[in-house]
């Protein structure tokens, strides 16, 4: 079960470009979206918002308290200043807890690969997976055990994953999550040797 974090919100009356004035007072404008896509303007104290977003990320539920009522949400979007990276707007998505949702979850690698220890290069082309589950079942990460990669060329695909209960991965089952490439030097030496062999004149017998 995913951990939940608490965040207090207040109704927002400054809208559009006027909402930028809130940042001068340490207040971040935001929007709370419901399951139908309708939004309600809200605002958060910047210091508390930063703490919660740092801890919750995109996979933990954020319980937003507004006008004495609490609603479970997920982070939807963060808009930052391009130079300072200061948050200038945040959007949260209110969730019906009894309906499955689709969201992205990071991949967490564990274990050691014999092929990597032998000099192989670990290649992992994707960092997140799209899952479908109830909000309460959102995993912090999808754990991938690298110890199954024994030889150069061994791979782990989406179809090979051991998933938490009640969690479905929507990515292509054939998509590669991790593979071990042979050491670059060894590959280059082998290619060079094959090239020399191909160019060498046939030996004379007689």
C-alpha atoms as a PDB file:
ATOM      1  CA  UNK A   1       0.000   0.000   0.000  1.00  0.00           C
ATOM      2  CA  UNK A   2       1.390   3.362  -0.984  1.00  0.00           C
ATOM      3  CA  UNK A   3       2.213   5.814   1.790  1.00  0.00           C
ATOM      4  CA  UNK A   4       0.114   8.984   2.064  1.00  0.00           C
ATOM      5  CA  UNK A   5       1.293  12.519   2.834  1.00  0.00           C
ATOM      6  CA  UNK A   6      -0.776  15.389   4.207  1.00  0.00           C
ATOM      7  CA  UNK A   7      -0.843  18.844   2.608  1.00  0.00           C
ATOM      8  CA  UNK A   8      -3.051  21.772   3.570  1.00  0.00           C
ATOM      9  CA  UNK A   9      -4.552  23.910   0.795  1.00  0.00           C
ATOM     10  CA  UNK A  10      -6.513  27.133   0.797  1.00  0.00           C
ATOM     11  CA  UNK A  11      -9.036  28.466  -1.758  1.00  0.00           C
ATOM     12  CA  UNK A  12      -7.407  30.835  -4.255  1.00  0.00           C
ATOM     13  CA  UNK A  13      -9.017  34.091  -5.366  1.00  0.00           C
ATOM     14  CA  UNK A  14      -6.158  35.517  -7.441  1.00  0.00           C
ATOM     15  CA  UNK A  15      -6.426  33.979 -10.911  1.00  0.00           C
ATOM     16  CA  UNK A  16      -4.457  34.120 -14.139  1.00  0.00           C
ATOM     17  CA  UNK A  17      -1.371  36.355 -14.160  1.00  0.00           C
ATOM     18  CA  UNK A  18      -2.453  37.951 -10.877  1.00  0.00           C
ATOM     19  CA  UNK A  19      -1.682  34.645  -9.135  1.00  0.00           C
ATOM     20  CA  UNK A  20       2.042  35.365  -9.607  1.00  0.00           C
ATOM     21  CA  UNK A  21       1.753  37.939  -6.815  1.00  0.00           C
ATOM     22  CA  UNK A  22       1.316  35.094  -4.330  1.00  0.00           C
ATOM     23  CA  UNK A  23       4.900  33.929  -4.848  1.00  0.00           C
ATOM     24  CA  UNK A  24       6.216  37.149  -3.289  1.00  0.00           C
ATOM     25  CA  UNK A  25       4.615  36.048  -0.011  1.00  0.00           C
ATOM     26  CA  UNK A  26       5.791  32.426  -0.129  1.00  0.00           C
ATOM     27  CA  UNK A  27       2.481  31.135  -1.482  1.00  0.00           C
ATOM     28  CA  UNK A  28       2.331  28.846  -4.531  1.00  0.00           C
ATOM     29  CA  UNK A  29      -0.782  28.924  -6.744  1.00  0.00           C
ATOM     30  CA  UNK A  30      -2.199  25.586  -7.781  1.00  0.00           C
ATOM     31  CA  UNK A  31      -5.149  23.668  -9.126  1.00  0.00           C
ATOM     32  CA  UNK A  32      -6.993  20.634  -7.804  1.00  0.00           C
ATOM     33  CA  UNK A  33      -8.467  18.479 -10.589  1.00  0.00           C
ATOM     34  CA  UNK A  34     -11.281  15.994 -10.088  1.00  0.00           C
ATOM     35  CA  UNK A  35     -11.780  12.736 -11.999  1.00  0.00           C
ATOM     36  CA  UNK A  36     -13.801  14.575 -14.690  1.00  0.00           C
ATOM     37  CA  UNK A  37     -10.973  17.013 -15.415  1.00  0.00           C
ATOM     38  CA  UNK A  38     -12.620  20.012 -13.762  1.00  0.00           C
ATOM     39  CA  UNK A  39     -10.252  22.169 -11.705  1.00  0.00           C
ATOM     40  CA  UNK A  40     -10.537  24.256  -8.578  1.00  0.00           C
ATOM     41  CA  UNK A  41      -8.016  27.069  -7.913  1.00  0.00           C
ATOM     42  CA  UNK A  42      -6.110  26.561  -4.666  1.00  0.00           C
ATOM     43  CA  UNK A  43      -2.894  27.764  -3.046  1.00  0.00           C
ATOM     44  CA  UNK A  44      -0.225  26.225  -0.810  1.00  0.00           C
ATOM     45  CA  UNK A  45       2.421  27.496   1.591  1.00  0.00           C
ATOM     46  CA  UNK A  46       5.629  27.127  -0.384  1.00  0.00           C
ATOM     47  CA  UNK A  47       7.782  25.612   2.374  1.00  0.00           C
ATOM     48  CA  UNK A  48       5.229  22.908   3.227  1.00  0.00           C
ATOM     49  CA  UNK A  49       4.588  22.187  -0.445  1.00  0.00           C
ATOM     50  CA  UNK A  50       8.296  21.698  -1.177  1.00  0.00           C
ATOM     51  CA  UNK A  51       8.671  19.291   1.742  1.00  0.00           C
ATOM     52  CA  UNK A  52       5.693  17.163   0.743  1.00  0.00           C
ATOM     53  CA  UNK A  53       6.551  17.047  -2.967  1.00  0.00           C
ATOM     54  CA  UNK A  54      10.139  16.059  -2.160  1.00  0.00           C
ATOM     55  CA  UNK A  55       8.953  13.148  -0.006  1.00  0.00           C
ATOM     56  CA  UNK A  56       5.904  12.075  -2.008  1.00  0.00           C
ATOM     57  CA  UNK A  57       7.142  12.421  -5.587  1.00  0.00           C
ATOM     58  CA  UNK A  58       4.760  11.086  -8.214  1.00  0.00           C
ATOM     59  CA  UNK A  59       3.962   7.677  -6.716  1.00  0.00           C
ATOM     60  CA  UNK A  60       2.743   8.494  -3.193  1.00  0.00           C
ATOM     61  CA  UNK A  61      -0.731   9.721  -2.394  1.00  0.00           C
ATOM     62  CA  UNK A  62      -0.977  13.315  -1.163  1.00  0.00           C
ATOM     63  CA  UNK A  63      -3.963  13.888   1.107  1.00  0.00           C
ATOM     64  CA  UNK A  64      -4.987  17.484   0.449  1.00  0.00           C
ATOM     65  CA  UNK A  65      -7.013  19.218   3.159  1.00  0.00           C
ATOM     66  CA  UNK A  66      -9.271  21.974   1.827  1.00  0.00           C
ATOM     67  CA  UNK A  67     -12.047  23.702   3.782  1.00  0.00           C
ATOM     68  CA  UNK A  68     -11.977  20.984   6.430  1.00  0.00           C
ATOM     69  CA  UNK A  69     -12.313  18.131   3.939  1.00  0.00           C
ATOM     70  CA  UNK A  70      -9.574  15.744   2.862  1.00  0.00           C
ATOM     71  CA  UNK A  71      -9.147  14.244  -0.583  1.00  0.00           C
ATOM     72  CA  UNK A  72      -6.513  11.791  -1.845  1.00  0.00           C
ATOM     73  CA  UNK A  73      -4.507  13.107  -4.788  1.00  0.00           C
ATOM     74  CA  UNK A  74      -1.504  12.405  -6.958  1.00  0.00           C
ATOM     75  CA  UNK A  75       0.900  15.014  -8.283  1.00  0.00           C
ATOM     76  CA  UNK A  76      -0.156  15.865 -11.832  1.00  0.00           C
ATOM     77  CA  UNK A  77       2.139  18.680 -12.968  1.00  0.00           C
ATOM     78  CA  UNK A  78       4.735  21.078 -11.577  1.00  0.00           C
ATOM     79  CA  UNK A  79       5.539  24.302 -13.425  1.00  0.00           C
ATOM     80  CA  UNK A  80       8.917  25.847 -12.526  1.00  0.00           C
ATOM     81  CA  UNK A  81      10.755  29.064 -13.307  1.00  0.00           C
ATOM     82  CA  UNK A  82      13.216  28.208 -16.112  1.00  0.00           C
ATOM     83  CA  UNK A  83      16.258  29.807 -14.431  1.00  0.00           C
ATOM     84  CA  UNK A  84      15.709  29.433 -10.680  1.00  0.00           C
ATOM     85  CA  UNK A  85      13.613  26.213 -10.865  1.00  0.00           C
ATOM     86  CA  UNK A  86      11.316  27.713  -8.236  1.00  0.00           C
ATOM     87  CA  UNK A  87       7.811  26.242  -8.367  1.00  0.00           C
ATOM     88  CA  UNK A  88       5.364  28.774  -9.800  1.00  0.00           C
ATOM     89  CA  UNK A  89       2.309  26.494 -10.148  1.00  0.00           C
ATOM     90  CA  UNK A  90       1.340  22.966  -9.121  1.00  0.00           C
ATOM     91  CA  UNK A  91      -1.536  20.730 -10.187  1.00  0.00           C
ATOM     92  CA  UNK A  92      -2.880  17.779  -8.216  1.00  0.00           C
ATOM     93  CA  UNK A  93      -5.308  15.094  -9.321  1.00  0.00           C
ATOM     94  CA  UNK A  94      -8.071  14.028  -6.932  1.00  0.00           C
ATOM     95  CA  UNK A  95      -8.636  10.283  -7.143  1.00  0.00           C
ATOM     96  CA  UNK A  96     -11.662   8.052  -6.679  1.00  0.00           C
ATOM     97  CA  UNK A  97     -10.116   5.442  -4.393  1.00  0.00           C
ATOM     98  CA  UNK A  98     -12.300   2.600  -5.687  1.00  0.00           C
ATOM     99  CA  UNK A  99     -11.391   3.007  -9.387  1.00  0.00           C
ATOM    100  CA  UNK A 100      -8.165   1.815 -11.078  1.00  0.00           C
ATOM    101  CA  UNK A 101      -5.904   4.512 -12.496  1.00  0.00           C
ATOM    102  CA  UNK A 102      -2.934   4.591 -14.853  1.00  0.00           C
ATOM    103  CA  UNK A 103       0.275   6.201 -13.648  1.00  0.00           C
ATOM    104  CA  UNK A 104       4.041   5.987 -14.123  1.00  0.00           C
ATOM    105  CA  UNK A 105       6.206   4.205 -11.561  1.00  0.00           C
ATOM    106  CA  UNK A 106      10.031   4.232 -11.474  1.00  0.00           C
ATOM    107  CA  UNK A 107      12.142   1.099 -11.904  1.00  0.00           C
ATOM    108  CA  UNK A 108      14.446   0.144  -9.008  1.00  0.00           C
ATOM    109  CA  UNK A 109      17.367  -2.190  -9.760  1.00  0.00           C
ATOM    110  CA  UNK A 110      18.612  -4.599  -7.084  1.00  0.00           C
ATOM    111  CA  UNK A 111      21.178  -7.395  -7.034  1.00  0.00           C
ATOM    112  CA  UNK A 112      24.416  -7.828  -8.959  1.00  0.00           C
ATOM    113  CA  UNK A 113      24.928  -9.262 -12.410  1.00  0.00           C
ATOM    114  CA  UNK A 114      27.713 -11.812 -13.008  1.00  0.00           C
ATOM    115  CA  UNK A 115      27.995 -10.502 -16.559  1.00  0.00           C
ATOM    116  CA  UNK A 116      28.555  -6.946 -15.309  1.00  0.00           C
ATOM    117  CA  UNK A 117      31.153  -8.154 -12.801  1.00  0.00           C
ATOM    118  CA  UNK A 118      32.925  -9.840 -15.712  1.00  0.00           C
ATOM    119  CA  UNK A 119      33.250  -6.479 -17.449  1.00  0.00           C
ATOM    120  CA  UNK A 120      29.953  -6.251 -19.271  1.00  0.00           C
ATOM    121  CA  UNK A 121      28.104  -2.962 -19.683  1.00  0.00           C
ATOM    122  CA  UNK A 122      24.636  -2.686 -18.150  1.00  0.00           C
ATOM    123  CA  UNK A 123      22.178  -1.028 -20.522  1.00  0.00           C
ATOM    124  CA  UNK A 124      18.760   0.027 -19.195  1.00  0.00           C
ATOM    125  CA  UNK A 125      16.873   2.048 -21.831  1.00  0.00           C
ATOM    126  CA  UNK A 126      13.797   2.868 -19.715  1.00  0.00           C
ATOM    127  CA  UNK A 127      13.494   4.288 -16.204  1.00  0.00           C
ATOM    128  CA  UNK A 128       9.711   4.143 -15.663  1.00  0.00           C
ATOM    129  CA  UNK A 129       6.794   1.855 -16.392  1.00  0.00           C
ATOM    130  CA  UNK A 130       3.114   2.635 -16.814  1.00  0.00           C
ATOM    131  CA  UNK A 131       0.959   0.673 -14.378  1.00  0.00           C
ATOM    132  CA  UNK A 132      -2.754   0.256 -13.778  1.00  0.00           C
ATOM    133  CA  UNK A 133      -4.071  -0.339 -10.262  1.00  0.00           C
ATOM    134  CA  UNK A 134      -6.142   1.139  -7.465  1.00  0.00           C
ATOM    135  CA  UNK A 135      -4.604   4.278  -5.935  1.00  0.00           C
ATOM    136  CA  UNK A 136      -3.941   2.458  -2.655  1.00  0.00           C
ATOM    137  CA  UNK A 137      -1.915  -0.197  -4.528  1.00  0.00           C
ATOM    138  CA  UNK A 138       0.477   2.137  -6.377  1.00  0.00           C
ATOM    139  CA  UNK A 139       3.980   0.734  -5.734  1.00  0.00           C
ATOM    140  CA  UNK A 140       6.869   3.046  -4.876  1.00  0.00           C
ATOM    141  CA  UNK A 141       8.846   1.306  -7.611  1.00  0.00           C
ATOM    142  CA  UNK A 142       8.913  -1.823  -9.755  1.00  0.00           C
ATOM    143  CA  UNK A 143      11.847  -3.870  -8.452  1.00  0.00           C
ATOM    144  CA  UNK A 144      14.073  -5.557 -11.057  1.00  0.00           C
ATOM    145  CA  UNK A 145      16.651  -8.149  -9.932  1.00  0.00           C
ATOM    146  CA  UNK A 146      19.838  -7.910 -12.010  1.00  0.00           C
ATOM    147  CA  UNK A 147      21.293 -11.147 -10.633  1.00  0.00           C
ATOM    148  CA  UNK A 148      19.528 -13.107 -13.397  1.00  0.00           C
ATOM    149  CA  UNK A 149      21.849 -11.529 -15.970  1.00  0.00           C
ATOM    150  CA  UNK A 150      24.591 -14.170 -16.084  1.00  0.00           C
ATOM    151  CA  UNK A 151      26.077 -13.865 -19.568  1.00  0.00           C
ATOM    152  CA  UNK A 152      26.774 -11.084 -22.071  1.00  0.00           C
ATOM    153  CA  UNK A 153      23.614 -10.530 -24.055  1.00  0.00           C
ATOM    154  CA  UNK A 154      21.248 -11.674 -21.312  1.00  0.00           C
ATOM    155  CA  UNK A 155      18.182  -9.434 -21.023  1.00  0.00           C
ATOM    156  CA  UNK A 156      15.203  -8.719 -18.787  1.00  0.00           C
ATOM    157  CA  UNK A 157      11.944  -7.834 -20.515  1.00  0.00           C
ATOM    158  CA  UNK A 158       8.652  -6.482 -19.220  1.00  0.00           C
ATOM    159  CA  UNK A 159       7.201  -9.998 -19.461  1.00  0.00           C
ATOM    160  CA  UNK A 160       9.805 -11.255 -16.957  1.00  0.00           C
ATOM    161  CA  UNK A 161       8.788  -8.941 -14.115  1.00  0.00           C
ATOM    162  CA  UNK A 162       7.476 -10.085 -10.758  1.00  0.00           C
ATOM    163  CA  UNK A 163       4.756  -7.555 -10.005  1.00  0.00           C
ATOM    164  CA  UNK A 164       3.122  -6.567  -6.707  1.00  0.00           C
ATOM    165  CA  UNK A 165      -0.405  -7.903  -6.150  1.00  0.00           C
ATOM    166  CA  UNK A 166      -3.182  -6.148  -8.086  1.00  0.00           C
ATOM    167  CA  UNK A 167      -0.725  -4.200 -10.268  1.00  0.00           C
ATOM    168  CA  UNK A 168      -0.742  -4.477 -14.063  1.00  0.00           C
ATOM    169  CA  UNK A 169       2.040  -3.125 -16.280  1.00  0.00           C
ATOM    170  CA  UNK A 170       0.739  -1.624 -19.539  1.00  0.00           C
ATOM    171  CA  UNK A 171       4.052  -1.433 -21.411  1.00  0.00           C
ATOM    172  CA  UNK A 172       4.870  -3.815 -24.272  1.00  0.00           C
ATOM    173  CA  UNK A 173       5.756  -7.240 -22.777  1.00  0.00           C
ATOM    174  CA  UNK A 174       8.649  -7.518 -25.246  1.00  0.00           C
ATOM    175  CA  UNK A 175      10.216  -4.199 -24.229  1.00  0.00           C
ATOM    176  CA  UNK A 176      13.725  -4.543 -22.825  1.00  0.00           C
ATOM    177  CA  UNK A 177      14.253  -3.239 -19.305  1.00  0.00           C
ATOM    178  CA  UNK A 178      17.904  -4.202 -18.889  1.00  0.00           C
ATOM    179  CA  UNK A 179      20.557  -6.066 -20.837  1.00  0.00           C
ATOM    180  CA  UNK A 180      24.316  -6.624 -20.551  1.00  0.00           C
ATOM    181  CA  UNK A 181      26.479  -5.710 -23.522  1.00  0.00           C
ATOM    182  CA  UNK A 182      29.886  -7.267 -24.025  1.00  0.00           C
ATOM    183  CA  UNK A 183      32.860  -5.045 -23.099  1.00  0.00           C
ATOM    184  CA  UNK A 184      33.543  -2.529 -25.850  1.00  0.00           C
ATOM    185  CA  UNK A 185      37.260  -3.319 -26.067  1.00  0.00           C
ATOM    186  CA  UNK A 186      36.613  -7.035 -26.482  1.00  0.00           C
ATOM    187  CA  UNK A 187      34.030  -6.406 -29.188  1.00  0.00           C
ATOM    188  CA  UNK A 188      36.393  -4.091 -31.094  1.00  0.00           C
ATOM    189  CA  UNK A 189      39.276  -6.572 -30.848  1.00  0.00           C
ATOM    190  CA  UNK A 190      37.078  -9.390 -32.114  1.00  0.00           C
ATOM    191  CA  UNK A 191      35.869  -7.264 -35.032  1.00  0.00           C
ATOM    192  CA  UNK A 192      39.430  -6.279 -35.901  1.00  0.00           C
ATOM    193  CA  UNK A 193      40.554  -9.902 -35.823  1.00  0.00           C
ATOM    194  CA  UNK A 194      37.723 -10.929 -38.133  1.00  0.00           C
ATOM    195  CA  UNK A 195      38.639  -8.096 -40.525  1.00  0.00           C
ATOM    196  CA  UNK A 196      42.297  -9.171 -40.632  1.00  0.00           C
ATOM    197  CA  UNK A 197      41.293 -12.777 -41.254  1.00  0.00           C
ATOM    198  CA  UNK A 198      39.004 -11.723 -44.081  1.00  0.00           C
ATOM    199  CA  UNK A 199      41.712  -9.633 -45.753  1.00  0.00           C
ATOM    200  CA  UNK A 200      44.556 -12.156 -45.381  1.00  0.00           C
ATOM    201  CA  UNK A 201      45.535 -13.947 -48.650  1.00  0.00           C
ATOM    202  CA  UNK A 202      44.917 -17.698 -48.771  1.00  0.00           C
ATOM    203  CA  UNK A 203      47.932 -19.774 -47.679  1.00  0.00           C
ATOM    204  CA  UNK A 204      49.816 -21.641 -50.415  1.00  0.00           C
ATOM    205  CA  UNK A 205      50.211 -25.390 -50.205  1.00  0.00           C
ATOM    206  CA  UNK A 206      52.406 -27.530 -52.339  1.00  0.00           C
END
